[in-house]
Full PDB file with SEQRES, HELIX, SHEET, SSBOND, CRYST1, ORIGX, SCALE, CONECT and MASTER records, all heavy atoms in Angstrom:
SEQRES   1 A   39  LEU TYR HIS HIS TYR ALA GLY LYS ASP ALA LEU PHE GLU          
SEQRES   2 A   39  ALA VAL LEU GLU ALA THR GLU SER ALA ILE GLY ALA ARG          
SEQRES   3 A   39  ILE ALA ASP ALA VAL ARG GLY VAL ALA ASP PRO ALA ALA          
HELIX    1 AA1 LYS A    8  VAL A   31  1                                  24    
CRYST1    1.000    1.000    1.000  90.00  90.00  90.00 P 1           1          
ORIGX1      1.000000  0.000000  0.000000        0.00000                         
ORIGX2      0.000000  1.000000  0.000000        0.00000                         
ORIGX3      0.000000  0.000000  1.000000        0.00000                         
SCALE1      1.000000  0.000000  0.000000        0.00000                         
SCALE2      0.000000  1.000000  0.000000        0.00000                         
SCALE3      0.000000  0.000000  1.000000        0.00000                         
ATOM      1  N   LEU A   1     -16.641  -7.357  14.579  1.00  0.00           N  
ATOM      2  CA  LEU A   1     -16.040  -6.450  13.616  1.00  0.00           C  
ATOM      3  C   LEU A   1     -15.224  -5.377  14.414  1.00  0.00           C  
ATOM      4  O   LEU A   1     -14.062  -5.102  14.080  1.00  0.00           O  
ATOM      5  CB  LEU A   1     -17.068  -5.704  12.800  1.00  0.00           C  
ATOM      6  CG  LEU A   1     -16.503  -4.679  11.787  1.00  0.00           C  
ATOM      7  CD1 LEU A   1     -15.626  -5.370  10.777  1.00  0.00           C  
ATOM      8  CD2 LEU A   1     -17.631  -3.866  11.173  1.00  0.00           C  
ATOM      9  N   TYR A   2     -15.893  -4.793  15.528  1.00  0.00           N  
ATOM     10  CA  TYR A   2     -15.179  -3.833  16.267  1.00  0.00           C  
ATOM     11  C   TYR A   2     -13.963  -4.373  17.211  1.00  0.00           C  
ATOM     12  O   TYR A   2     -13.159  -3.614  17.523  1.00  0.00           O  
ATOM     13  CB  TYR A   2     -16.211  -3.159  17.144  1.00  0.00           C  
ATOM     14  CG  TYR A   2     -17.143  -2.172  16.438  1.00  0.00           C  
ATOM     15  CD1 TYR A   2     -18.312  -1.827  16.937  1.00  0.00           C  
ATOM     16  CD2 TYR A   2     -16.734  -1.693  15.194  1.00  0.00           C  
ATOM     17  CE1 TYR A   2     -19.141  -0.941  16.309  1.00  0.00           C  
ATOM     18  CE2 TYR A   2     -17.607  -0.740  14.545  1.00  0.00           C  
ATOM     19  CZ  TYR A   2     -18.859  -0.443  15.027  1.00  0.00           C  
ATOM     20  OH  TYR A   2     -19.637   0.331  14.366  1.00  0.00           O  
ATOM     21  N   HIS A   3     -13.940  -5.747  17.183  1.00  0.00           N  
ATOM     22  CA  HIS A   3     -12.812  -6.292  17.992  1.00  0.00           C  
ATOM     23  C   HIS A   3     -11.510  -6.156  17.011  1.00  0.00           C  
ATOM     24  O   HIS A   3     -10.395  -5.930  17.518  1.00  0.00           O  
ATOM     25  CB  HIS A   3     -13.017  -7.819  18.193  1.00  0.00           C  
ATOM     26  CG  HIS A   3     -11.836  -8.530  18.593  1.00  0.00           C  
ATOM     27  ND1 HIS A   3     -11.361  -8.452  19.991  1.00  0.00           N  
ATOM     28  CD2 HIS A   3     -10.932  -9.404  18.032  1.00  0.00           C  
ATOM     29  CE1 HIS A   3     -10.328  -9.170  20.056  1.00  0.00           C  
ATOM     30  NE2 HIS A   3      -9.963  -9.738  18.949  1.00  0.00           N  
ATOM     31  N   HIS A   4     -11.705  -6.171  15.792  1.00  0.00           N  
ATOM     32  CA  HIS A   4     -10.603  -6.060  14.725  1.00  0.00           C  
ATOM     33  C   HIS A   4     -10.475  -4.535  14.281  1.00  0.00           C  
ATOM     34  O   HIS A   4      -9.335  -4.130  14.085  1.00  0.00           O  
ATOM     35  CB  HIS A   4     -10.839  -7.006  13.587  1.00  0.00           C  
ATOM     36  CG  HIS A   4     -10.950  -8.491  13.919  1.00  0.00           C  
ATOM     37  ND1 HIS A   4      -9.751  -9.041  14.384  1.00  0.00           N  
ATOM     38  CD2 HIS A   4     -11.924  -9.242  14.016  1.00  0.00           C  
ATOM     39  CE1 HIS A   4     -10.091 -10.310  14.554  1.00  0.00           C  
ATOM     40  NE2 HIS A   4     -11.362 -10.506  14.425  1.00  0.00           N  
ATOM     41  N   TYR A   5     -11.472  -3.832  14.090  1.00  0.00           N  
ATOM     42  CA  TYR A   5     -11.504  -2.355  13.572  1.00  0.00           C  
ATOM     43  C   TYR A   5     -12.306  -1.544  14.470  1.00  0.00           C  
ATOM     44  O   TYR A   5     -13.544  -1.889  14.707  1.00  0.00           O  
ATOM     45  CB  TYR A   5     -11.907  -2.390  12.155  1.00  0.00           C  
ATOM     46  CG  TYR A   5     -11.012  -3.277  11.236  1.00  0.00           C  
ATOM     47  CD1 TYR A   5     -11.521  -4.607  10.889  1.00  0.00           C  
ATOM     48  CD2 TYR A   5      -9.848  -2.811  10.780  1.00  0.00           C  
ATOM     49  CE1 TYR A   5     -10.713  -5.323   9.953  1.00  0.00           C  
ATOM     50  CE2 TYR A   5      -8.950  -3.690  10.037  1.00  0.00           C  
ATOM     51  CZ  TYR A   5      -9.445  -4.911   9.678  1.00  0.00           C  
ATOM     52  OH  TYR A   5      -8.580  -5.682   8.941  1.00  0.00           O  
ATOM     53  N   ALA A   6     -11.841  -0.637  14.966  1.00  0.00           N  
ATOM     54  CA  ALA A   6     -12.601   0.291  15.943  1.00  0.00           C  
ATOM     55  C   ALA A   6     -13.861   1.026  15.274  1.00  0.00           C  
ATOM     56  O   ALA A   6     -14.636   1.475  16.054  1.00  0.00           O  
ATOM     57  CB  ALA A   6     -11.626   1.384  16.569  1.00  0.00           C  
ATOM     58  N   GLY A   7     -13.898   1.070  14.043  1.00  0.00           N  
ATOM     59  CA  GLY A   7     -15.003   1.600  13.396  1.00  0.00           C  
ATOM     60  C   GLY A   7     -14.870   1.783  11.999  1.00  0.00           C  
ATOM     61  O   GLY A   7     -13.819   1.249  11.385  1.00  0.00           O  
ATOM     62  N   LYS A   8     -15.689   2.405  11.264  1.00  0.00           N  
ATOM     63  CA  LYS A   8     -15.662   2.747   9.752  1.00  0.00           C  
ATOM     64  C   LYS A   8     -14.350   3.317   9.384  1.00  0.00           C  
ATOM     65  O   LYS A   8     -13.675   2.969   8.379  1.00  0.00           O  
ATOM     66  CB  LYS A   8     -16.947   3.325   9.357  1.00  0.00           C  
ATOM     67  CG  LYS A   8     -17.007   3.533   7.732  1.00  0.00           C  
ATOM     68  CD  LYS A   8     -18.242   4.127   7.497  1.00  0.00           C  
ATOM     69  CE  LYS A   8     -18.257   4.715   6.098  1.00  0.00           C  
ATOM     70  NZ  LYS A   8     -19.510   5.390   5.797  1.00  0.00           N  
ATOM     71  N   ASP A   9     -14.013   4.463  10.132  1.00  0.00           N  
ATOM     72  CA  ASP A   9     -12.743   5.193   9.830  1.00  0.00           C  
ATOM     73  C   ASP A   9     -11.606   4.218   9.939  1.00  0.00           C  
ATOM     74  O   ASP A   9     -10.629   4.312   9.091  1.00  0.00           O  
ATOM     75  CB  ASP A   9     -12.637   6.393  10.780  1.00  0.00           C  
ATOM     76  CG  ASP A   9     -13.632   7.429  10.432  1.00  0.00           C  
ATOM     77  OD1 ASP A   9     -14.211   7.523   9.390  1.00  0.00           O  
ATOM     78  OD2 ASP A   9     -13.640   8.389  11.268  1.00  0.00           O  
ATOM     79  N   ALA A  10     -11.521   3.472  10.910  1.00  0.00           N  
ATOM     80  CA  ALA A  10     -10.354   2.637  11.133  1.00  0.00           C  
ATOM     81  C   ALA A  10     -10.285   1.505  10.216  1.00  0.00           C  
ATOM     82  O   ALA A  10      -9.202   1.093   9.539  1.00  0.00           O  
ATOM     83  CB  ALA A  10     -10.396   1.864  12.502  1.00  0.00           C  
ATOM     84  N   LEU A  11     -11.539   1.013   9.638  1.00  0.00           N  
ATOM     85  CA  LEU A  11     -11.502   0.005   8.608  1.00  0.00           C  
ATOM     86  C   LEU A  11     -11.099   0.609   7.293  1.00  0.00           C  
ATOM     87  O   LEU A  11     -10.322   0.079   6.527  1.00  0.00           O  
ATOM     88  CB  LEU A  11     -12.956  -0.433   8.475  1.00  0.00           C  
ATOM     89  CG  LEU A  11     -13.182  -1.662   7.448  1.00  0.00           C  
ATOM     90  CD1 LEU A  11     -12.255  -2.781   7.545  1.00  0.00           C  
ATOM     91  CD2 LEU A  11     -14.651  -2.028   7.442  1.00  0.00           C  
ATOM     92  N   PHE A  12     -11.546   1.924   7.079  1.00  0.00           N  
ATOM     93  CA  PHE A  12     -11.124   2.481   5.793  1.00  0.00           C  
ATOM     94  C   PHE A  12      -9.553   2.778   5.818  1.00  0.00           C  
ATOM     95  O   PHE A  12      -8.886   2.518   4.846  1.00  0.00           O  
ATOM     96  CB  PHE A  12     -11.835   3.898   5.618  1.00  0.00           C  
ATOM     97  CG  PHE A  12     -11.416   4.631   4.353  1.00  0.00           C  
ATOM     98  CD1 PHE A  12     -11.975   4.332   3.152  1.00  0.00           C  
ATOM     99  CD2 PHE A  12     -10.402   5.650   4.454  1.00  0.00           C  
ATOM    100  CE1 PHE A  12     -11.682   4.907   1.941  1.00  0.00           C  
ATOM    101  CE2 PHE A  12     -10.013   6.224   3.287  1.00  0.00           C  
ATOM    102  CZ  PHE A  12     -10.628   5.896   1.977  1.00  0.00           C  
ATOM    103  N   GLU A  13      -9.083   3.147   6.946  1.00  0.00           N  
ATOM    104  CA  GLU A  13      -7.677   3.382   7.004  1.00  0.00           C  
ATOM    105  C   GLU A  13      -6.906   2.055   6.764  1.00  0.00           C  
ATOM    106  O   GLU A  13      -5.811   2.099   6.176  1.00  0.00           O  
ATOM    107  CB  GLU A  13      -7.270   4.031   8.474  1.00  0.00           C  
ATOM    108  CG  GLU A  13      -5.807   4.629   8.448  1.00  0.00           C  
ATOM    109  CD  GLU A  13      -5.646   5.531   9.561  1.00  0.00           C  
ATOM    110  OE1 GLU A  13      -6.523   6.030  10.209  1.00  0.00           O  
ATOM    111  OE2 GLU A  13      -4.422   5.875   9.776  1.00  0.00           O  
ATOM    112  N   ALA A  14      -7.366   1.165   7.253  1.00  0.00           N  
ATOM    113  CA  ALA A  14      -6.682  -0.262   7.089  1.00  0.00           C  
ATOM    114  C   ALA A  14      -6.743  -0.665   5.497  1.00  0.00           C  
ATOM    115  O   ALA A  14      -5.711  -1.073   4.963  1.00  0.00           O  
ATOM    116  CB  ALA A  14      -7.272  -1.332   7.960  1.00  0.00           C  
ATOM    117  N   VAL A  15      -7.931  -0.376   4.958  1.00  0.00           N  
ATOM    118  CA  VAL A  15      -7.898  -0.652   3.467  1.00  0.00           C  
ATOM    119  C   VAL A  15      -6.999   0.248   2.788  1.00  0.00           C  
ATOM    120  O   VAL A  15      -6.274  -0.152   1.773  1.00  0.00           O  
ATOM    121  CB  VAL A  15      -9.455  -0.389   2.986  1.00  0.00           C  
ATOM    122  CG1 VAL A  15      -9.446  -0.270   1.426  1.00  0.00           C  
ATOM    123  CG2 VAL A  15     -10.291  -1.355   3.527  1.00  0.00           C  
ATOM    124  N   LEU A  16      -6.960   1.516   3.149  1.00  0.00           N  
ATOM    125  CA  LEU A  16      -6.016   2.426   2.481  1.00  0.00           C  
ATOM    126  C   LEU A  16      -4.569   2.068   2.656  1.00  0.00           C  
ATOM    127  O   LEU A  16      -3.785   1.983   1.759  1.00  0.00           O  
ATOM    128  CB  LEU A  16      -6.218   3.834   2.975  1.00  0.00           C  
ATOM    129  CG  LEU A  16      -5.252   4.968   2.452  1.00  0.00           C  
ATOM    130  CD1 LEU A  16      -5.441   5.128   0.920  1.00  0.00           C  
ATOM    131  CD2 LEU A  16      -5.573   6.266   3.111  1.00  0.00           C  
ATOM    132  N   GLU A  17      -4.194   1.706   3.851  1.00  0.00           N  
ATOM    133  CA  GLU A  17      -2.900   1.256   4.164  1.00  0.00           C  
ATOM    134  C   GLU A  17      -2.450  -0.030   3.320  1.00  0.00           C  
ATOM    135  O   GLU A  17      -1.344  -0.094   2.827  1.00  0.00           O  
ATOM    136  CB  GLU A  17      -2.666   0.888   5.676  1.00  0.00           C  
ATOM    137  CG  GLU A  17      -1.336   0.629   6.058  1.00  0.00           C  
ATOM    138  CD  GLU A  17      -0.627   1.828   6.644  1.00  0.00           C  
ATOM    139  OE1 GLU A  17      -1.269   2.753   7.162  1.00  0.00           O  
ATOM    140  OE2 GLU A  17       0.682   1.855   6.349  1.00  0.00           O  
ATOM    141  N   ALA A  18      -3.365  -0.975   3.244  1.00  0.00           N  
ATOM    142  CA  ALA A  18      -3.094  -2.089   2.422  1.00  0.00           C  
ATOM    143  C   ALA A  18      -2.957  -1.730   1.020  1.00  0.00           C  
ATOM    144  O   ALA A  18      -2.147  -2.387   0.258  1.00  0.00           O  
ATOM    145  CB  ALA A  18      -4.234  -3.213   2.728  1.00  0.00           C  
ATOM    146  N   THR A  19      -3.719  -0.965   0.537  1.00  0.00           N  
ATOM    147  CA  THR A  19      -3.738  -0.447  -0.958  1.00  0.00           C  
ATOM    148  C   THR A  19      -2.412   0.285  -1.227  1.00  0.00           C  
ATOM    149  O   THR A  19      -1.854  -0.002  -2.237  1.00  0.00           O  
ATOM    150  CB  THR A  19      -5.018   0.392  -1.241  1.00  0.00           C  
ATOM    151  OG1 THR A  19      -6.136  -0.368  -0.910  1.00  0.00           O  
ATOM    152  CG2 THR A  19      -5.009   0.809  -2.775  1.00  0.00           C  
ATOM    153  N   GLU A  20      -2.104   1.156  -0.349  1.00  0.00           N  
ATOM    154  CA  GLU A  20      -0.839   1.954  -0.469  1.00  0.00           C  
ATOM    155  C   GLU A  20       0.376   1.018  -0.528  1.00  0.00           C  
ATOM    156  O   GLU A  20       1.277   1.047  -1.350  1.00  0.00           O  
ATOM    157  CB  GLU A  20      -0.633   3.012   0.548  1.00  0.00           C  
ATOM    158  CG  GLU A  20      -1.645   4.183   0.437  1.00  0.00           C  
ATOM    159  CD  GLU A  20      -1.157   5.165  -0.431  1.00  0.00           C  
ATOM    160  OE1 GLU A  20      -0.151   4.917  -1.306  1.00  0.00           O  
ATOM    161  OE2 GLU A  20      -1.741   6.276  -0.591  1.00  0.00           O  
ATOM    162  N   SER A  21       0.368  -0.031   0.325  1.00  0.00           N  
ATOM    163  CA  SER A  21       1.477  -0.924   0.333  1.00  0.00           C  
ATOM    164  C   SER A  21       1.578  -1.734  -0.864  1.00  0.00           C  
ATOM    165  O   SER A  21       2.604  -2.004  -1.458  1.00  0.00           O  
ATOM    166  CB  SER A  21       1.201  -2.020   1.569  1.00  0.00           C  
ATOM    167  OG  SER A  21       2.174  -2.901   1.648  1.00  0.00           O  
ATOM    168  N   ALA A  22       0.372  -2.174  -1.406  1.00  0.00           N  
ATOM    169  CA  ALA A  22       0.360  -2.937  -2.737  1.00  0.00           C  
ATOM    170  C   ALA A  22       0.790  -2.126  -3.829  1.00  0.00           C  
ATOM    171  O   ALA A  22       1.547  -2.618  -4.631  1.00  0.00           O  
ATOM    172  CB  ALA A  22      -1.070  -3.485  -2.968  1.00  0.00           C  
ATOM    173  N   ILE A  23       0.383  -0.725  -3.868  1.00  0.00           N  
ATOM    174  CA  ILE A  23       0.972   0.143  -4.934  1.00  0.00           C  
ATOM    175  C   ILE A  23       2.418   0.282  -4.824  1.00  0.00           C  
ATOM    176  O   ILE A  23       3.192   0.099  -5.814  1.00  0.00           O  
ATOM    177  CB  ILE A  23       0.334   1.523  -4.748  1.00  0.00           C  
ATOM    178  CG1 ILE A  23      -1.223   1.510  -5.072  1.00  0.00           C  
ATOM    179  CG2 ILE A  23       0.917   2.609  -5.612  1.00  0.00           C  
ATOM    180  CD1 ILE A  23      -2.004   2.807  -4.660  1.00  0.00           C  
ATOM    181  N   GLY A  24       2.897   0.430  -3.616  1.00  0.00           N  
ATOM    182  CA  GLY A  24       4.327   0.568  -3.407  1.00  0.00           C  
ATOM    183  C   GLY A  24       5.090  -0.734  -4.035  1.00  0.00           C  
ATOM    184  O   GLY A  24       6.155  -0.580  -4.688  1.00  0.00           O  
ATOM    185  N   ALA A  25       4.553  -1.831  -3.695  1.00  0.00           N  
ATOM    186  CA  ALA A  25       5.259  -3.137  -4.135  1.00  0.00           C  
ATOM    187  C   ALA A  25       5.148  -3.143  -5.699  1.00  0.00           C  
ATOM    188  O   ALA A  25       6.003  -3.701  -6.326  1.00  0.00           O  
ATOM    189  CB  ALA A  25       4.411  -4.253  -3.597  1.00  0.00           C  
ATOM    190  N   ARG A  26       4.071  -2.774  -6.326  1.00  0.00           N  
ATOM    191  CA  ARG A  26       3.951  -2.790  -7.675  1.00  0.00           C  
ATOM    192  C   ARG A  26       4.878  -1.840  -8.409  1.00  0.00           C  
ATOM    193  O   ARG A  26       5.459  -2.159  -9.472  1.00  0.00           O  
ATOM    194  CB  ARG A  26       2.476  -2.597  -8.130  1.00  0.00           C  
ATOM    195  CG  ARG A  26       1.591  -3.847  -7.825  1.00  0.00           C  
ATOM    196  CD  ARG A  26       0.109  -3.693  -8.060  1.00  0.00           C  
ATOM    197  NE  ARG A  26      -0.176  -3.573  -9.419  1.00  0.00           N  
ATOM    198  CZ  ARG A  26      -1.385  -3.552  -9.843  1.00  0.00           C  
ATOM    199  NH1 ARG A  26      -2.406  -3.337  -9.053  1.00  0.00           N  
ATOM    200  NH2 ARG A  26      -1.663  -3.482 -11.229  1.00  0.00           N  
ATOM    201  N   ILE A  27       4.962  -0.673  -7.793  1.00  0.00           N  
ATOM    202  CA  ILE A  27       5.910   0.356  -8.391  1.00  0.00           C  
ATOM    203  C   ILE A  27       7.395  -0.170  -8.240  1.00  0.00           C  
ATOM    204  O   ILE A  27       8.163  -0.056  -9.302  1.00  0.00           O  
ATOM    205  CB  ILE A  27       5.745   1.628  -7.849  1.00  0.00           C  
ATOM    206  CG1 ILE A  27       4.338   2.153  -8.340  1.00  0.00           C  
ATOM    207  CG2 ILE A  27       6.836   2.633  -8.273  1.00  0.00           C  
ATOM    208  CD1 ILE A  27       3.934   3.561  -7.599  1.00  0.00           C  
ATOM    209  N   ALA A  28       7.646  -0.750  -7.081  1.00  0.00           N  
ATOM    210  CA  ALA A  28       9.025  -1.264  -6.845  1.00  0.00           C  
ATOM    211  C   ALA A  28       9.309  -2.386  -7.887  1.00  0.00           C  
ATOM    212  O   ALA A  28      10.416  -2.382  -8.487  1.00  0.00           O  
ATOM    213  CB  ALA A  28       9.216  -1.727  -5.378  1.00  0.00           C  
ATOM    214  N   ASP A  29       8.253  -3.231  -8.128  1.00  0.00           N  
ATOM    215  CA  ASP A  29       8.543  -4.301  -9.160  1.00  0.00           C  
ATOM    216  C   ASP A  29       8.752  -3.679 -10.552  1.00  0.00           C  
ATOM    217  O   ASP A  29       9.673  -4.241 -11.191  1.00  0.00           O  
ATOM    218  CB  ASP A  29       7.246  -5.242  -9.198  1.00  0.00           C  
ATOM    219  CG  ASP A  29       7.062  -6.201  -8.134  1.00  0.00           C  
ATOM    220  OD1 ASP A  29       8.158  -6.266  -7.362  1.00  0.00           O  
ATOM    221  OD2 ASP A  29       6.100  -6.709  -7.872  1.00  0.00           O  
ATOM    222  N   ALA A  30       8.096  -2.625 -10.807  1.00  0.00           N  
ATOM    223  CA  ALA A  30       8.285  -2.029 -12.217  1.00  0.00           C  
ATOM    224  C   ALA A  30       9.625  -1.376 -12.314  1.00  0.00           C  
ATOM    225  O   ALA A  30      10.061  -1.323 -13.513  1.00  0.00           O  
ATOM    226  CB  ALA A  30       7.249  -0.810 -12.324  1.00  0.00           C  
ATOM    227  N   VAL A  31      10.164  -0.880 -11.278  1.00  0.00           N  
ATOM    228  CA  VAL A  31      11.544  -0.271 -11.508  1.00  0.00           C  
ATOM    229  C   VAL A  31      12.609  -1.152 -11.018  1.00  0.00           C  
ATOM    230  O   VAL A  31      13.908  -0.861 -11.332  1.00  0.00           O  
ATOM    231  CB  VAL A  31      11.573   1.048 -10.613  1.00  0.00           C  
ATOM    232  CG1 VAL A  31      10.566   1.990 -10.853  1.00  0.00           C  
ATOM    233  CG2 VAL A  31      11.509   0.704  -9.060  1.00  0.00           C  
ATOM    234  N   ARG A  32      12.345  -2.386 -10.621  1.00  0.00           N  
ATOM    235  CA  ARG A  32      13.388  -3.309 -10.309  1.00  0.00           C  
ATOM    236  C   ARG A  32      14.297  -3.629 -11.533  1.00  0.00           C  
ATOM    237  O   ARG A  32      13.789  -3.779 -12.615  1.00  0.00           O  
ATOM    238  CB  ARG A  32      12.785  -4.702  -9.888  1.00  0.00           C  
ATOM    239  CG  ARG A  32      13.860  -5.591  -9.197  1.00  0.00           C  
ATOM    240  CD  ARG A  32      13.200  -6.775  -8.613  1.00  0.00           C  
ATOM    241  NE  ARG A  32      11.918  -6.905  -8.143  1.00  0.00           N  
ATOM    242  CZ  ARG A  32      11.578  -6.308  -6.816  1.00  0.00           C  
ATOM    243  NH1 ARG A  32      12.382  -5.687  -6.121  1.00  0.00           N  
ATOM    244  NH2 ARG A  32      10.257  -6.303  -6.489  1.00  0.00           N  
ATOM    245  N   GLY A  33      15.552  -3.515 -11.310  1.00  0.00           N  
ATOM    246  CA  GLY A  33      16.477  -3.707 -12.441  1.00  0.00           C  
ATOM    247  C   GLY A  33      16.837  -2.429 -13.324  1.00  0.00           C  
ATOM    248  O   GLY A  33      17.561  -2.553 -14.177  1.00  0.00           O  
ATOM    249  N   VAL A  34      16.105  -1.347 -13.065  1.00  0.00           N  
ATOM    250  CA  VAL A  34      16.328  -0.104 -13.807  1.00  0.00           C  
ATOM    251  C   VAL A  34      17.422   0.634 -13.091  1.00  0.00           C  
ATOM    252  O   VAL A  34      17.219   1.130 -12.046  1.00  0.00           O  
ATOM    253  CB  VAL A  34      15.088   0.741 -14.029  1.00  0.00           C  
ATOM    254  CG1 VAL A  34      15.375   2.027 -14.749  1.00  0.00           C  
ATOM    255  CG2 VAL A  34      13.895  -0.014 -14.544  1.00  0.00           C  
ATOM    256  N   ALA A  35      18.647   0.612 -13.715  1.00  0.00           N  
ATOM    257  CA  ALA A  35      19.874   1.226 -12.995  1.00  0.00           C  
ATOM    258  C   ALA A  35      19.854   2.662 -13.025  1.00  0.00           C  
ATOM    259  O   ALA A  35      20.343   3.367 -12.006  1.00  0.00           O  
ATOM    260  CB  ALA A  35      20.976   0.551 -13.531  1.00  0.00           C  
ATOM    261  N   ASP A  36      19.522   3.333 -14.151  1.00  0.00           N  
ATOM    262  CA  ASP A  36      19.554   4.724 -14.215  1.00  0.00           C  
ATOM    263  C   ASP A  36      18.489   5.469 -13.349  1.00  0.00           C  
ATOM    264  O   ASP A  36      17.341   5.088 -13.516  1.00  0.00           O  
ATOM    265  CB  ASP A  36      19.418   5.132 -15.670  1.00  0.00           C  
ATOM    266  CG  ASP A  36      19.350   6.740 -15.786  1.00  0.00           C  
ATOM    267  OD1 ASP A  36      20.357   7.408 -15.422  1.00  0.00           O  
ATOM    268  OD2 ASP A  36      18.303   7.149 -16.475  1.00  0.00           O  
ATOM    269  N   PRO A  37      18.769   6.204 -12.406  1.00  0.00           N  
ATOM    270  CA  PRO A  37      17.855   7.046 -11.472  1.00  0.00           C  
ATOM    271  C   PRO A  37      16.747   7.683 -12.319  1.00  0.00           C  
ATOM    272  O   PRO A  37      15.568   7.610 -11.772  1.00  0.00           O  
ATOM    273  CB  PRO A  37      18.756   7.890 -10.626  1.00  0.00           C  
ATOM    274  CG  PRO A  37      20.051   7.254 -10.608  1.00  0.00           C  
ATOM    275  CD  PRO A  37      20.232   6.631 -12.076  1.00  0.00           C  
ATOM    276  N   ALA A  38      17.156   8.533 -13.277  1.00  0.00           N  
ATOM    277  CA  ALA A  38      16.134   9.130 -14.002  1.00  0.00           C  
ATOM    278  C   ALA A  38      15.072   8.214 -14.779  1.00  0.00           C  
ATOM    279  O   ALA A  38      13.995   8.470 -14.829  1.00  0.00           O  
ATOM    280  CB  ALA A  38      16.766  10.102 -15.102  1.00  0.00           C  
ATOM    281  N   ALA A  39      15.652   7.138 -15.309  1.00  0.00           N  
ATOM    282  CA  ALA A  39      14.708   6.046 -15.908  1.00  0.00           C  
ATOM    283  C   ALA A  39      13.841   5.528 -14.925  1.00  0.00           C  
ATOM    284  O   ALA A  39      12.767   5.188 -15.149  1.00  0.00           O  
ATOM    285  CB  ALA A  39      15.576   5.167 -16.715  1.00  0.00           C  
TER     286      ALA A  39                                                      
MASTER        0    0    0    1    0    0    0    6  285    1    0    3          
END                                                                             
């Protein structure tokens, strides 16, 4: 485990990073094709 993640904090940060990336992708999908910036 420590070969891949230095500890619990590093593992949590990797989980957070993956979750934030997935959120960004889902929001980008939601706004895809919406031309008006306010919309």
